[in-house]
């Protein structure tokens, strides 16, 4: 079956549309007033926002929730949001480990990838490579960028254990959410 038209970037377009919808939604005064009136339920909202924070297409809504809820204790809120995001990251991590490892192993044998990997190993010491991998993955996980990329880096290109991943994910998600709450206080 032939498609009527060819659209090159449907996922990026969808992401941009979702950012615009989230922005619009969280600028509606009744939505902001409702979320501000939640009282102690704000922390449940922050947990839900944390769960949404890790997935690329729901991140704009999580950021909107974080910036709108404005909790009294931002440290506690960052811990709760970080725990929610860590749970989502753990599901991504487990899924990638179970379903993608065979493809990662096949990909390492492809000539261009093997060449790049060999060159990369010759230029940088192994310890520095590991630090760069963890720094890059940590930055992606802490930021509003889709965590799938950072989690894939860790699960596919490192030998990180699940317990270490849980701690790593929690720390970087909580740090990113804490910085977002601080930014929300300043604005």
N, C-alpha and C. Protein backbone atom coordinates (compact mmCIF):
# COMPACT_ATOMS: atom_id res chain seq x y z
N UNK A 1 0.84 -1.17 0.00
CA UNK A 1 0.00 0.00 0.00
C UNK A 1 0.89 1.24 0.00
N UNK A 2 0.61 2.15 -0.86
CA UNK A 2 1.41 3.35 -1.00
C UNK A 2 0.81 4.46 -0.13
N UNK A 3 1.68 5.14 0.58
CA UNK A 3 1.22 6.25 1.42
C UNK A 3 0.91 7.45 0.56
N UNK A 4 -0.07 8.22 0.99
CA UNK A 4 -0.47 9.40 0.23
C UNK A 4 0.62 10.47 0.26
N UNK A 5 1.25 10.62 1.40
CA UNK A 5 2.34 11.58 1.50
C UNK A 5 3.38 11.04 2.47
N UNK A 6 4.56 11.52 2.30
CA UNK A 6 5.66 11.04 3.13
C UNK A 6 6.05 12.15 4.10
N UNK A 7 5.97 11.85 5.39
CA UNK A 7 6.31 12.82 6.41
C UNK A 7 7.56 12.33 7.12
N UNK A 8 8.61 13.12 7.13
CA UNK A 8 9.91 12.66 7.59
C UNK A 8 10.08 12.61 9.10
N UNK A 9 9.42 13.47 9.85
CA UNK A 9 9.68 13.58 11.29
C UNK A 9 8.39 13.51 12.12
N UNK A 10 7.68 12.41 12.07
CA UNK A 10 6.41 12.35 12.82
C UNK A 10 6.60 12.37 14.34
N UNK A 11 7.64 11.72 14.84
CA UNK A 11 7.84 11.67 16.29
C UNK A 11 8.27 13.02 16.84
N UNK A 12 9.18 13.70 16.14
CA UNK A 12 9.60 15.03 16.59
C UNK A 12 8.44 16.01 16.53
N UNK A 13 7.63 15.90 15.49
CA UNK A 13 6.45 16.76 15.38
C UNK A 13 5.49 16.50 16.53
N UNK A 14 5.26 15.23 16.84
CA UNK A 14 4.38 14.88 17.96
C UNK A 14 4.94 15.44 19.26
N UNK A 15 6.24 15.34 19.47
CA UNK A 15 6.85 15.87 20.68
C UNK A 15 6.66 17.38 20.78
N UNK A 16 6.85 18.08 19.69
CA UNK A 16 6.65 19.54 19.68
C UNK A 16 5.19 19.89 19.96
N UNK A 17 4.27 19.13 19.39
CA UNK A 17 2.85 19.36 19.64
C UNK A 17 2.53 19.13 21.12
N UNK A 18 3.10 18.07 21.71
CA UNK A 18 2.86 17.78 23.12
C UNK A 18 3.43 18.86 24.02
N UNK A 19 4.58 19.42 23.66
CA UNK A 19 5.15 20.53 24.44
C UNK A 19 4.20 21.72 24.37
N UNK A 20 3.68 22.01 23.18
CA UNK A 20 2.76 23.13 23.02
C UNK A 20 1.46 22.90 23.81
N UNK A 21 0.93 21.68 23.76
CA UNK A 21 -0.30 21.35 24.50
C UNK A 21 -0.05 21.48 26.01
N UNK A 22 1.07 20.96 26.49
CA UNK A 22 1.39 21.05 27.91
C UNK A 22 1.54 22.51 28.33
N UNK A 23 2.22 23.29 27.51
CA UNK A 23 2.38 24.72 27.82
C UNK A 23 1.02 25.40 27.90
N UNK A 24 0.18 25.14 26.93
CA UNK A 24 -1.15 25.73 26.92
C UNK A 24 -1.95 25.28 28.14
N UNK A 25 -1.93 23.99 28.44
CA UNK A 25 -2.69 23.44 29.56
C UNK A 25 -2.29 24.09 30.88
N UNK A 26 -0.98 24.26 31.09
CA UNK A 26 -0.52 24.80 32.37
C UNK A 26 -0.51 26.32 32.42
N UNK A 27 -0.99 26.97 31.37
CA UNK A 27 -1.20 28.42 31.43
C UNK A 27 -2.68 28.77 31.60
N UNK A 28 -3.54 27.78 31.62
CA UNK A 28 -4.97 28.01 31.88
C UNK A 28 -5.13 28.27 33.38
N UNK A 29 -5.66 29.42 33.75
CA UNK A 29 -5.76 29.78 35.18
C UNK A 29 -6.55 28.77 36.03
N UNK A 30 -7.59 28.18 35.49
CA UNK A 30 -8.37 27.22 36.29
C UNK A 30 -7.57 25.95 36.58
N UNK A 31 -6.75 25.53 35.63
CA UNK A 31 -5.89 24.34 35.86
C UNK A 31 -4.86 24.66 36.93
N UNK A 32 -4.22 25.82 36.82
CA UNK A 32 -3.20 26.22 37.79
C UNK A 32 -3.83 26.38 39.17
N UNK A 33 -5.00 26.99 39.25
CA UNK A 33 -5.70 27.18 40.53
C UNK A 33 -6.07 25.84 41.15
N UNK A 34 -6.57 24.92 40.32
CA UNK A 34 -6.93 23.60 40.83
C UNK A 34 -5.70 22.87 41.38
N UNK A 35 -4.62 22.87 40.63
CA UNK A 35 -3.41 22.18 41.09
C UNK A 35 -2.82 22.85 42.33
N UNK A 36 -2.93 24.15 42.42
CA UNK A 36 -2.41 24.87 43.59
C UNK A 36 -3.24 24.59 44.83
N UNK A 37 -4.50 24.20 44.66
CA UNK A 37 -5.38 23.97 45.81
C UNK A 37 -5.35 22.52 46.31
N UNK A 38 -4.44 21.72 45.83
CA UNK A 38 -4.42 20.31 46.22
C UNK A 38 -3.94 20.08 47.64
N UNK A 39 -3.25 21.02 48.25
CA UNK A 39 -2.78 20.87 49.62
C UNK A 39 -1.78 19.73 49.74
N UNK A 40 -2.03 18.82 50.68
CA UNK A 40 -1.11 17.69 50.91
C UNK A 40 -1.11 16.69 49.76
N UNK A 41 -2.11 16.74 48.90
CA UNK A 41 -2.14 15.85 47.75
C UNK A 41 -1.13 16.25 46.68
N UNK A 42 -0.49 17.41 46.87
CA UNK A 42 0.53 17.86 45.92
C UNK A 42 1.63 16.81 45.77
N UNK A 43 1.98 16.17 46.89
CA UNK A 43 3.07 15.20 46.84
C UNK A 43 2.70 13.95 46.05
N UNK A 44 1.40 13.59 46.02
CA UNK A 44 0.96 12.50 45.15
C UNK A 44 1.08 12.94 43.70
N UNK A 45 0.73 14.19 43.45
CA UNK A 45 0.88 14.73 42.10
C UNK A 45 2.33 14.75 41.67
N UNK A 46 3.22 15.03 42.61
CA UNK A 46 4.66 15.05 42.31
C UNK A 46 5.15 13.63 42.02
N UNK A 47 4.64 12.64 42.74
CA UNK A 47 5.01 11.25 42.45
C UNK A 47 4.55 10.86 41.05
N UNK A 48 3.34 11.24 40.70
CA UNK A 48 2.83 10.95 39.35
C UNK A 48 3.65 11.68 38.30
N UNK A 49 3.99 12.95 38.57
CA UNK A 49 4.82 13.70 37.64
C UNK A 49 6.19 13.03 37.50
N UNK A 50 6.72 12.50 38.59
CA UNK A 50 7.99 11.77 38.53
C UNK A 50 7.89 10.55 37.63
N UNK A 51 6.78 9.83 37.73
CA UNK A 51 6.57 8.67 36.85
C UNK A 51 6.53 9.09 35.39
N UNK A 52 5.95 10.26 35.12
CA UNK A 52 5.85 10.76 33.74
C UNK A 52 7.15 11.38 33.24
N UNK A 53 8.01 11.81 34.15
CA UNK A 53 9.23 12.55 33.81
C UNK A 53 10.19 11.74 32.96
N UNK A 54 10.17 10.43 33.07
CA UNK A 54 11.15 9.59 32.39
C UNK A 54 10.81 9.26 30.95
N UNK A 55 9.56 9.38 30.59
CA UNK A 55 9.14 8.99 29.25
C UNK A 55 9.08 10.22 28.35
N UNK A 56 9.72 10.13 27.19
CA UNK A 56 9.88 11.27 26.30
C UNK A 56 8.61 12.04 25.99
N UNK A 57 7.54 11.35 25.65
CA UNK A 57 6.33 12.05 25.23
C UNK A 57 5.50 12.57 26.40
N UNK A 58 5.75 12.13 27.61
CA UNK A 58 5.01 12.65 28.76
C UNK A 58 5.82 13.64 29.59
N UNK A 59 7.08 13.83 29.25
CA UNK A 59 7.95 14.75 29.99
C UNK A 59 7.39 16.18 30.02
N UNK A 60 6.87 16.74 28.93
CA UNK A 60 6.34 18.12 29.01
C UNK A 60 5.25 18.28 30.07
N UNK A 61 4.42 17.25 30.25
CA UNK A 61 3.36 17.32 31.25
C UNK A 61 3.94 17.21 32.66
N UNK A 62 4.97 16.39 32.82
CA UNK A 62 5.64 16.27 34.11
C UNK A 62 6.28 17.60 34.51
N UNK A 63 6.97 18.23 33.57
CA UNK A 63 7.60 19.52 33.85
C UNK A 63 6.53 20.54 34.22
N UNK A 64 5.42 20.54 33.49
CA UNK A 64 4.32 21.45 33.82
C UNK A 64 3.78 21.22 35.21
N UNK A 65 3.61 19.95 35.59
CA UNK A 65 3.15 19.64 36.94
C UNK A 65 4.16 20.10 37.99
N UNK A 66 5.43 19.81 37.76
CA UNK A 66 6.46 20.22 38.73
C UNK A 66 6.45 21.73 38.94
N UNK A 67 6.38 22.48 37.86
CA UNK A 67 6.45 23.94 37.96
C UNK A 67 5.15 24.55 38.49
N UNK A 68 4.04 23.86 38.34
CA UNK A 68 2.76 24.38 38.80
C UNK A 68 2.47 24.03 40.25
N UNK A 69 2.88 22.85 40.70
CA UNK A 69 2.52 22.40 42.05
C UNK A 69 3.20 23.22 43.16
N UNK A 70 4.40 23.67 42.96
CA UNK A 70 5.13 24.51 43.92
C UNK A 70 4.99 24.02 45.37
N UNK A 71 5.64 22.92 45.70
CA UNK A 71 5.51 22.37 47.06
C UNK A 71 6.24 23.26 48.08
N UNK A 72 5.86 23.09 49.34
CA UNK A 72 6.50 23.85 50.41
C UNK A 72 7.92 23.37 50.65
N UNK A 73 8.12 22.07 50.62
CA UNK A 73 9.43 21.47 50.88
C UNK A 73 9.97 20.90 49.56
N UNK A 74 10.83 21.66 48.89
CA UNK A 74 11.29 21.21 47.57
C UNK A 74 12.25 20.02 47.67
N UNK A 75 12.94 19.87 48.77
CA UNK A 75 13.82 18.71 48.93
C UNK A 75 12.98 17.43 49.01
N UNK A 76 11.95 17.45 49.83
CA UNK A 76 11.06 16.29 49.94
C UNK A 76 10.38 16.00 48.59
N UNK A 77 9.96 17.07 47.93
CA UNK A 77 9.31 16.91 46.63
C UNK A 77 10.27 16.31 45.60
N UNK A 78 11.53 16.74 45.62
CA UNK A 78 12.52 16.19 44.69
C UNK A 78 12.77 14.71 44.98
N UNK A 79 12.77 14.34 46.24
CA UNK A 79 12.97 12.93 46.61
C UNK A 79 11.79 12.09 46.12
N UNK A 80 10.56 12.60 46.33
CA UNK A 80 9.37 11.86 45.90
C UNK A 80 9.32 11.78 44.37
N UNK A 81 9.55 12.90 43.70
CA UNK A 81 9.56 12.90 42.23
C UNK A 81 10.68 12.03 41.68
N UNK A 82 11.85 12.06 42.33
CA UNK A 82 12.98 11.22 41.92
C UNK A 82 12.66 9.74 42.07
N UNK A 83 11.92 9.38 43.12
CA UNK A 83 11.53 7.98 43.32
C UNK A 83 10.58 7.54 42.20
N UNK A 84 9.63 8.40 41.85
CA UNK A 84 8.71 8.06 40.75
C UNK A 84 9.44 7.89 39.43
N UNK A 85 10.35 8.83 39.14
CA UNK A 85 11.12 8.74 37.89
C UNK A 85 12.03 7.52 37.88
N UNK A 86 12.58 7.19 39.04
CA UNK A 86 13.44 6.01 39.14
C UNK A 86 12.65 4.73 38.85
N UNK A 87 11.41 4.67 39.31
CA UNK A 87 10.58 3.49 39.02
C UNK A 87 10.33 3.36 37.52
N UNK A 88 10.07 4.48 36.86
CA UNK A 88 9.88 4.44 35.40
C UNK A 88 11.17 4.04 34.70
N UNK A 89 12.30 4.61 35.14
CA UNK A 89 13.59 4.26 34.55
C UNK A 89 13.90 2.78 34.74
N UNK A 90 13.55 2.25 35.90
CA UNK A 90 13.80 0.83 36.16
C UNK A 90 13.00 -0.04 35.20
N UNK A 91 11.78 0.36 34.88
CA UNK A 91 11.00 -0.43 33.92
C UNK A 91 11.64 -0.35 32.53
N UNK A 92 12.13 0.82 32.15
CA UNK A 92 12.82 0.97 30.86
C UNK A 92 14.09 0.12 30.86
N UNK A 93 14.86 0.20 31.94
CA UNK A 93 16.12 -0.55 32.09
C UNK A 93 15.87 -2.05 31.94
N UNK A 94 14.87 -2.55 32.65
CA UNK A 94 14.57 -3.99 32.60
C UNK A 94 14.12 -4.40 31.20
N UNK A 95 13.30 -3.58 30.58
CA UNK A 95 12.83 -3.89 29.23
C UNK A 95 13.99 -3.94 28.25
N UNK A 96 14.88 -2.98 28.32
CA UNK A 96 16.02 -2.95 27.39
C UNK A 96 16.95 -4.12 27.65
N UNK A 97 17.22 -4.42 28.89
CA UNK A 97 18.10 -5.56 29.21
C UNK A 97 17.52 -6.87 28.72
N UNK A 98 16.20 -7.01 28.81
CA UNK A 98 15.58 -8.27 28.40
C UNK A 98 15.43 -8.41 26.90
N UNK A 99 15.20 -7.31 26.19
CA UNK A 99 14.82 -7.43 24.79
C UNK A 99 15.86 -6.93 23.79
N UNK A 100 16.79 -6.08 24.22
CA UNK A 100 17.70 -5.46 23.25
C UNK A 100 19.13 -5.99 23.31
N UNK A 101 19.49 -6.76 24.31
CA UNK A 101 20.89 -7.16 24.47
C UNK A 101 21.42 -7.93 23.27
N UNK A 102 20.62 -8.79 22.69
CA UNK A 102 21.09 -9.54 21.52
C UNK A 102 21.39 -8.60 20.36
N UNK A 103 20.59 -7.54 20.20
CA UNK A 103 20.86 -6.59 19.12
C UNK A 103 22.11 -5.74 19.40
N UNK A 104 22.32 -5.39 20.66
CA UNK A 104 23.54 -4.65 21.01
C UNK A 104 24.78 -5.48 20.71
N UNK A 105 24.70 -6.78 21.02
CA UNK A 105 25.83 -7.66 20.75
C UNK A 105 26.07 -7.81 19.25
N UNK A 106 25.02 -7.88 18.45
CA UNK A 106 25.17 -7.94 17.00
C UNK A 106 25.69 -6.62 16.44
N UNK A 107 25.24 -5.53 17.01
CA UNK A 107 25.66 -4.21 16.55
C UNK A 107 27.15 -3.99 16.77
N UNK A 108 27.70 -4.53 17.86
CA UNK A 108 29.13 -4.39 18.14
C UNK A 108 29.99 -5.06 17.07
N UNK A 109 29.44 -6.00 16.32
CA UNK A 109 30.20 -6.74 15.30
C UNK A 109 30.13 -6.09 13.92
N UNK A 110 29.27 -5.09 13.76
CA UNK A 110 29.16 -4.38 12.48
C UNK A 110 30.43 -3.56 12.29
N UNK A 111 31.00 -3.60 11.10
CA UNK A 111 32.31 -2.98 10.86
C UNK A 111 32.43 -1.52 11.29
N UNK A 112 31.52 -0.63 10.89
CA UNK A 112 31.69 0.77 11.31
C UNK A 112 31.63 0.96 12.83
N UNK A 113 30.75 0.21 13.47
CA UNK A 113 30.62 0.31 14.93
C UNK A 113 31.86 -0.27 15.60
N UNK A 114 32.31 -1.41 15.13
CA UNK A 114 33.52 -2.02 15.69
C UNK A 114 34.73 -1.11 15.51
N UNK A 115 34.83 -0.48 14.33
CA UNK A 115 35.93 0.46 14.07
C UNK A 115 35.88 1.65 15.04
N UNK A 116 34.69 2.24 15.19
CA UNK A 116 34.55 3.38 16.10
C UNK A 116 34.85 2.99 17.54
N UNK A 117 34.39 1.84 17.93
CA UNK A 117 34.65 1.36 19.29
C UNK A 117 36.14 1.13 19.51
N UNK A 118 36.81 0.54 18.53
CA UNK A 118 38.25 0.28 18.63
C UNK A 118 39.02 1.61 18.73
N UNK A 119 38.67 2.57 17.88
CA UNK A 119 39.33 3.88 17.91
C UNK A 119 39.06 4.60 19.23
N UNK A 120 37.85 4.50 19.69
CA UNK A 120 37.47 5.15 20.95
C UNK A 120 38.29 4.57 22.10
N UNK A 121 38.47 3.25 22.10
CA UNK A 121 39.25 2.59 23.16
C UNK A 121 40.73 2.94 23.09
N UNK A 122 41.24 3.20 21.89
CA UNK A 122 42.65 3.56 21.75
C UNK A 122 42.91 5.00 22.19
N UNK A 123 41.97 5.89 21.97
CA UNK A 123 42.16 7.30 22.28
C UNK A 123 42.01 7.59 23.77
N UNK A 124 40.98 7.01 24.39
CA UNK A 124 40.68 7.32 25.78
C UNK A 124 40.94 6.11 26.68
N UNK A 125 41.52 6.35 27.85
CA UNK A 125 41.67 5.25 28.80
C UNK A 125 40.30 4.71 29.24
N UNK A 126 40.27 3.46 29.62
CA UNK A 126 39.02 2.79 29.97
C UNK A 126 38.28 3.51 31.10
N UNK A 127 39.00 3.96 32.10
CA UNK A 127 38.36 4.64 33.23
C UNK A 127 37.68 5.94 32.77
N UNK A 128 38.34 6.69 31.90
CA UNK A 128 37.77 7.93 31.39
C UNK A 128 36.54 7.64 30.53
N UNK A 129 36.59 6.56 29.76
CA UNK A 129 35.43 6.17 28.95
C UNK A 129 34.23 5.92 29.84
N UNK A 130 34.46 5.20 30.93
CA UNK A 130 33.38 4.88 31.86
C UNK A 130 32.81 6.16 32.49
N UNK A 131 33.69 7.08 32.92
CA UNK A 131 33.24 8.34 33.50
C UNK A 131 32.42 9.15 32.50
N UNK A 132 32.88 9.19 31.25
CA UNK A 132 32.14 9.93 30.22
C UNK A 132 30.76 9.31 29.96
N UNK A 133 30.70 7.99 29.92
CA UNK A 133 29.44 7.30 29.71
C UNK A 133 28.47 7.62 30.84
N UNK A 134 28.94 7.51 32.09
CA UNK A 134 28.07 7.79 33.23
C UNK A 134 27.70 9.26 33.31
N UNK A 135 28.62 10.16 32.98
CA UNK A 135 28.32 11.59 33.01
C UNK A 135 27.27 11.94 31.96
N UNK A 136 27.42 11.39 30.78
CA UNK A 136 26.47 11.64 29.69
C UNK A 136 25.09 11.08 30.06
N UNK A 137 25.04 9.86 30.53
CA UNK A 137 23.78 9.23 30.92
C UNK A 137 23.15 9.98 32.10
N UNK A 138 23.96 10.40 33.06
CA UNK A 138 23.45 11.16 34.21
C UNK A 138 22.85 12.48 33.79
N UNK A 139 23.52 13.16 32.87
CA UNK A 139 23.00 14.44 32.37
C UNK A 139 21.65 14.24 31.68
N UNK A 140 21.56 13.21 30.86
CA UNK A 140 20.30 12.95 30.14
C UNK A 140 19.19 12.59 31.11
N UNK A 141 19.50 11.77 32.11
CA UNK A 141 18.49 11.35 33.08
C UNK A 141 18.04 12.52 33.95
N UNK A 142 18.95 13.40 34.33
CA UNK A 142 18.60 14.54 35.17
C UNK A 142 17.82 15.61 34.41
N UNK A 143 18.03 15.69 33.12
CA UNK A 143 17.39 16.74 32.32
C UNK A 143 16.00 16.30 31.85
N UNK A 144 15.23 17.23 31.31
CA UNK A 144 13.93 16.85 30.74
C UNK A 144 14.03 16.10 29.41
N UNK A 145 15.23 15.80 28.96
CA UNK A 145 15.38 14.98 27.76
C UNK A 145 14.83 13.58 28.03
N UNK A 146 14.41 12.86 27.00
CA UNK A 146 13.86 11.51 27.22
C UNK A 146 14.89 10.59 27.89
N UNK A 147 14.51 10.03 29.02
CA UNK A 147 15.40 9.15 29.77
C UNK A 147 15.72 7.87 29.02
N UNK A 148 14.91 7.52 28.05
CA UNK A 148 15.16 6.28 27.30
C UNK A 148 16.58 6.25 26.74
N UNK A 149 17.07 7.39 26.29
CA UNK A 149 18.43 7.46 25.73
C UNK A 149 19.48 7.20 26.80
N UNK A 150 19.38 7.86 27.94
CA UNK A 150 20.35 7.67 29.02
C UNK A 150 20.31 6.26 29.59
N UNK A 151 19.10 5.72 29.74
CA UNK A 151 18.95 4.36 30.26
C UNK A 151 19.52 3.36 29.26
N UNK A 152 19.31 3.60 27.98
CA UNK A 152 19.86 2.71 26.95
C UNK A 152 21.38 2.74 26.98
N UNK A 153 21.96 3.92 27.17
CA UNK A 153 23.42 4.00 27.28
C UNK A 153 23.92 3.13 28.42
N UNK A 154 23.27 3.22 29.56
CA UNK A 154 23.72 2.46 30.72
C UNK A 154 23.45 0.96 30.58
N UNK A 155 22.27 0.61 30.08
CA UNK A 155 21.95 -0.82 30.02
C UNK A 155 22.62 -1.52 28.85
N UNK A 156 22.88 -0.79 27.77
CA UNK A 156 23.46 -1.44 26.60
C UNK A 156 24.96 -1.37 26.51
N UNK A 157 25.55 -0.31 27.06
CA UNK A 157 26.99 -0.10 26.87
C UNK A 157 27.79 -0.12 28.17
N UNK A 158 27.19 -0.61 29.22
CA UNK A 158 27.92 -0.75 30.48
C UNK A 158 27.49 -2.05 31.15
N UNK A 159 28.18 -2.40 32.17
CA UNK A 159 27.85 -3.62 32.92
C UNK A 159 27.27 -3.26 34.28
N UNK A 160 26.54 -2.16 34.34
CA UNK A 160 25.98 -1.69 35.60
C UNK A 160 24.97 -2.70 36.14
N UNK A 161 25.05 -2.93 37.43
CA UNK A 161 24.12 -3.84 38.08
C UNK A 161 22.81 -3.11 38.38
N UNK A 162 21.75 -3.86 38.54
CA UNK A 162 20.42 -3.26 38.74
C UNK A 162 20.40 -2.38 39.98
N UNK A 163 20.98 -2.82 41.08
CA UNK A 163 21.00 -2.01 42.31
C UNK A 163 21.74 -0.69 42.10
N UNK A 164 22.86 -0.76 41.44
CA UNK A 164 23.61 0.46 41.15
C UNK A 164 22.83 1.37 40.24
N UNK A 165 22.14 0.79 39.26
CA UNK A 165 21.33 1.60 38.36
C UNK A 165 20.21 2.31 39.11
N UNK A 166 19.57 1.61 40.04
CA UNK A 166 18.49 2.22 40.82
C UNK A 166 19.01 3.44 41.57
N UNK A 167 20.13 3.31 42.23
CA UNK A 167 20.73 4.43 42.97
C UNK A 167 21.12 5.56 42.02
N UNK A 168 21.76 5.21 40.92
CA UNK A 168 22.18 6.20 39.92
C UNK A 168 20.98 6.97 39.39
N UNK A 169 19.95 6.25 38.99
CA UNK A 169 18.75 6.86 38.43
C UNK A 169 18.07 7.76 39.46
N UNK A 170 17.94 7.27 40.68
CA UNK A 170 17.29 8.07 41.73
C UNK A 170 18.05 9.37 41.99
N UNK A 171 19.35 9.28 42.13
CA UNK A 171 20.15 10.47 42.43
C UNK A 171 20.03 11.50 41.32
N UNK A 172 20.20 11.08 40.08
CA UNK A 172 20.17 12.05 38.98
C UNK A 172 18.77 12.58 38.70
N UNK A 173 17.75 11.75 38.83
CA UNK A 173 16.38 12.25 38.66
C UNK A 173 16.02 13.23 39.77
N UNK A 174 16.34 12.87 41.01
CA UNK A 174 16.04 13.77 42.13
C UNK A 174 16.79 15.09 41.98
N UNK A 175 18.04 15.03 41.54
CA UNK A 175 18.83 16.24 41.33
C UNK A 175 18.20 17.11 40.24
N UNK A 176 17.83 16.51 39.14
CA UNK A 176 17.19 17.27 38.05
C UNK A 176 15.87 17.88 38.48
N UNK A 177 15.07 17.14 39.22
CA UNK A 177 13.78 17.65 39.69
C UNK A 177 13.99 18.75 40.72
N UNK A 178 14.97 18.58 41.60
CA UNK A 178 15.29 19.61 42.58
C UNK A 178 15.68 20.91 41.90
N UNK A 179 16.53 20.81 40.87
CA UNK A 179 16.93 22.01 40.13
C UNK A 179 15.74 22.64 39.42
N UNK A 180 14.81 21.82 38.95
CA UNK A 180 13.61 22.35 38.31
C UNK A 180 12.75 23.11 39.32
N UNK A 181 12.61 22.55 40.55
CA UNK A 181 11.85 23.25 41.59
C UNK A 181 12.55 24.56 41.96
N UNK A 182 13.87 24.54 42.05
CA UNK A 182 14.59 25.78 42.33
C UNK A 182 14.35 26.82 41.24
N UNK A 183 14.38 26.39 40.01
CA UNK A 183 14.11 27.28 38.88
C UNK A 183 12.69 27.82 38.97
N UNK A 184 11.75 26.96 39.37
CA UNK A 184 10.36 27.39 39.54
C UNK A 184 10.19 28.43 40.64
N UNK A 185 11.00 28.32 41.70
CA UNK A 185 10.96 29.32 42.79
C UNK A 185 11.49 30.66 42.32
N UNK A 186 12.53 30.62 41.49
CA UNK A 186 13.15 31.85 40.99
C UNK A 186 12.21 32.57 40.03
N UNK A 187 11.53 31.78 39.19
CA UNK A 187 10.62 32.38 38.21
C UNK A 187 9.36 32.74 38.92
